[in-house]
Protein backbone atom coordinates (compact mmCIF):
# COMPACT_ATOMS: atom_id res chain seq x y z
CA MET A 1 -70.96 -14.60 52.20
CA ILE A 2 -72.03 -17.67 54.11
CA GLU A 3 -69.90 -18.82 57.03
CA LEU A 4 -69.01 -22.48 56.55
CA TYR A 5 -66.32 -23.09 59.14
CA ASP A 6 -65.17 -21.13 62.17
CA LYS A 7 -62.48 -22.40 64.50
CA PRO A 8 -59.89 -20.44 66.50
CA PHE A 9 -57.29 -21.32 63.86
CA LEU A 10 -59.23 -21.12 60.56
CA ARG A 11 -62.31 -19.43 59.13
CA MET A 12 -64.05 -20.18 55.82
CA HIS A 13 -66.77 -18.28 53.96
CA TYR A 14 -68.57 -19.09 50.73
CA ASP A 15 -70.09 -16.83 48.09
CA PRO A 16 -72.67 -18.96 46.22
CA HIS A 17 -73.06 -16.44 43.37
CA LEU A 18 -69.36 -16.62 42.50
CA ARG A 19 -68.89 -20.18 43.82
CA LEU A 20 -65.98 -18.69 45.75
CA LEU A 21 -64.46 -20.08 48.93
CA GLU A 22 -62.44 -17.75 51.14
CA SER A 23 -60.31 -19.41 53.79
CA GLU A 24 -58.17 -17.53 56.30
CA TRP A 25 -55.68 -18.96 58.78
CA LEU A 26 -56.11 -17.08 62.05
CA ASN A 27 -53.29 -18.39 64.22
CA GLN A 28 -49.74 -19.51 63.45
CA HIS A 29 -49.54 -21.51 66.66
CA VAL A 30 -51.74 -24.56 66.20
CA ALA A 31 -51.38 -28.26 66.84
CA MET A 32 -50.50 -30.33 63.80
CA GLY A 33 -53.86 -32.07 64.07
CA GLU A 34 -55.54 -28.70 63.67
CA LEU A 35 -53.37 -27.89 60.66
CA ARG A 36 -54.38 -31.13 58.98
CA GLU A 37 -58.02 -30.64 59.95
CA GLY A 38 -58.06 -27.15 58.46
CA LEU A 39 -56.38 -28.16 55.23
CA TRP A 40 -58.63 -31.19 54.84
CA GLN A 41 -61.80 -29.23 55.64
CA SER A 42 -60.82 -26.74 52.94
CA LEU A 43 -60.71 -29.52 50.36
CA LEU A 44 -64.03 -30.91 51.55
CA MET A 45 -65.68 -27.48 51.29
CA VAL A 46 -64.38 -27.03 47.73
CA GLU A 47 -65.86 -30.41 46.81
CA ARG A 48 -69.14 -30.05 48.71
CA TYR A 49 -69.99 -26.59 47.39
CA GLN A 50 -68.60 -27.11 43.88
CA VAL A 51 -66.25 -24.18 44.35
CA VAL A 52 -64.59 -22.83 41.19
CA SER A 53 -62.61 -19.98 42.78
CA TRP A 54 -60.66 -20.11 46.03
CA LEU A 55 -58.98 -17.34 47.99
CA SER A 56 -56.61 -18.96 50.47
CA ASP A 57 -55.20 -16.46 52.96
CA LEU A 58 -52.02 -18.06 54.29
CA ARG A 59 -50.58 -15.00 56.06
CA LEU A 60 -50.83 -16.84 59.38
CA LEU A 61 -50.28 -20.36 58.05
CA PRO A 62 -48.74 -22.52 60.79
CA ALA A 63 -45.19 -23.78 60.31
CA LEU A 64 -44.89 -27.12 58.55
CA LEU A 65 -42.99 -29.87 60.31
CA PRO A 66 -41.25 -32.65 58.33
CA THR A 67 -44.10 -35.07 59.09
CA GLU A 68 -46.53 -32.59 57.56
CA TYR A 69 -44.63 -32.55 54.25
CA LEU A 70 -45.16 -36.30 53.95
CA TRP A 71 -48.87 -35.95 54.77
CA LEU A 72 -49.21 -33.17 52.19
CA GLN A 73 -47.56 -35.33 49.51
CA GLN A 74 -49.52 -38.49 50.29
CA GLN A 75 -52.94 -37.13 51.26
CA TYR A 76 -53.52 -33.45 50.53
CA PHE A 77 -51.93 -32.72 47.14
CA PRO A 78 -53.28 -35.82 45.34
CA ARG A 79 -56.82 -34.77 46.26
CA TYR A 80 -56.15 -31.08 45.64
CA GLN A 81 -54.90 -31.65 42.10
CA ASP A 82 -58.21 -33.31 41.17
CA LEU A 83 -60.36 -30.35 42.24
CA PRO A 84 -62.19 -28.58 39.39
CA LEU A 85 -60.93 -25.14 40.40
CA HIS A 86 -60.66 -22.38 37.81
CA LYS A 87 -58.86 -19.75 39.89
CA VAL A 88 -56.90 -19.89 43.13
CA ALA A 89 -55.59 -16.74 44.82
CA VAL A 90 -53.05 -17.37 47.57
CA VAL A 91 -52.06 -14.67 50.04
CA ASN A 92 -48.46 -15.46 50.97
CA PRO A 93 -47.41 -16.07 54.57
CA THR A 94 -45.99 -12.92 56.17
CA ASP A 95 -43.26 -14.80 58.00
CA ALA A 96 -40.23 -15.68 55.83
CA ILE A 97 -39.81 -19.13 57.40
CA ARG A 98 -43.44 -20.09 56.80
CA HIS A 99 -43.21 -18.71 53.27
CA ASP A 100 -40.16 -20.94 52.67
CA HIS A 101 -42.12 -23.91 54.07
CA LEU A 102 -44.93 -23.25 51.60
CA LYS A 103 -42.51 -22.99 48.67
CA ALA A 104 -40.75 -26.20 49.75
CA ALA A 105 -44.04 -28.11 49.98
CA LEU A 106 -45.10 -26.94 46.52
CA LEU A 107 -41.70 -27.76 45.04
CA ALA A 108 -41.80 -31.24 46.57
CA ALA A 109 -45.28 -31.81 45.14
CA ARG A 110 -44.16 -30.79 41.66
CA SER A 111 -40.98 -32.87 41.85
CA ASN A 112 -43.12 -35.89 42.79
CA GLY A 113 -45.11 -35.48 39.58
CA MET A 114 -48.09 -33.54 40.93
CA ALA A 115 -49.61 -31.28 38.32
CA LEU A 116 -50.87 -28.52 40.57
CA GLN A 117 -53.22 -26.14 38.83
CA PRO A 118 -51.51 -23.54 36.66
CA HIS A 119 -54.19 -20.98 37.48
CA VAL A 120 -52.81 -20.15 40.93
CA ARG A 121 -51.62 -16.61 41.60
CA TYR A 122 -49.76 -15.42 44.68
CA PHE A 123 -50.36 -12.09 46.40
CA GLU A 124 -48.98 -10.09 49.29
CA SER A 125 -52.35 -8.64 50.34
CA ALA A 126 -55.80 -10.13 50.79
CA GLU A 127 -57.40 -7.13 49.06
CA GLU A 128 -55.31 -7.61 45.91
CA ALA A 129 -56.05 -11.36 45.91
CA ARG A 130 -59.78 -10.74 46.42
CA ARG A 131 -59.90 -8.28 43.50
CA TRP A 132 -58.23 -10.78 41.17
CA VAL A 133 -60.18 -13.89 42.22
CA ARG A 134 -63.53 -12.08 41.88
CA GLN A 135 -62.86 -10.96 38.30
CA PRO A 136 -64.58 -12.98 35.58
CA LEU A 137 -62.43 -15.48 33.75
CA VAL A 138 -61.20 -14.45 30.34
CA SER A 139 -60.48 -16.93 27.57
CA MET A 140 -56.75 -17.07 28.36
CA GLN A 141 -57.53 -17.97 31.98
CA LEU A 142 -59.86 -20.86 31.25
CA PRO A 143 -58.70 -24.20 32.57
CA PRO A 144 -57.62 -26.79 30.00
CA ARG A 145 -60.22 -29.21 28.68
CA HIS A 146 -60.00 -32.78 29.94
């Protein structure tokens, strides 16, 4: 794994053989600018390294404020939905409030017409997510043709 990004609030590694990005939030208590920076850098890394699989560990995802929901809808999700990802494994936030924030952001994106990738799976542990995301794709898991 190659380290791509290392800040006190977020770390990202890349496996070039699997074209896999692993991102892990390290601190729930970050400034909103750092939250946006981390989310945006994740998208940029997926684009730059032509990532096809992404493990996003959100156990320590910072809380989302109302202004962040708007930013997610206007900036983050439109770019995210265009990524050529095949598999995304998300490790759920451990805190119930942050988990509710994540669900609310995803629901808002879908209700605003965003077609977020259907190949996202949610996990309670990073180990379980890592096992799934590293498995080869089978025909039923292939993304739709465009």
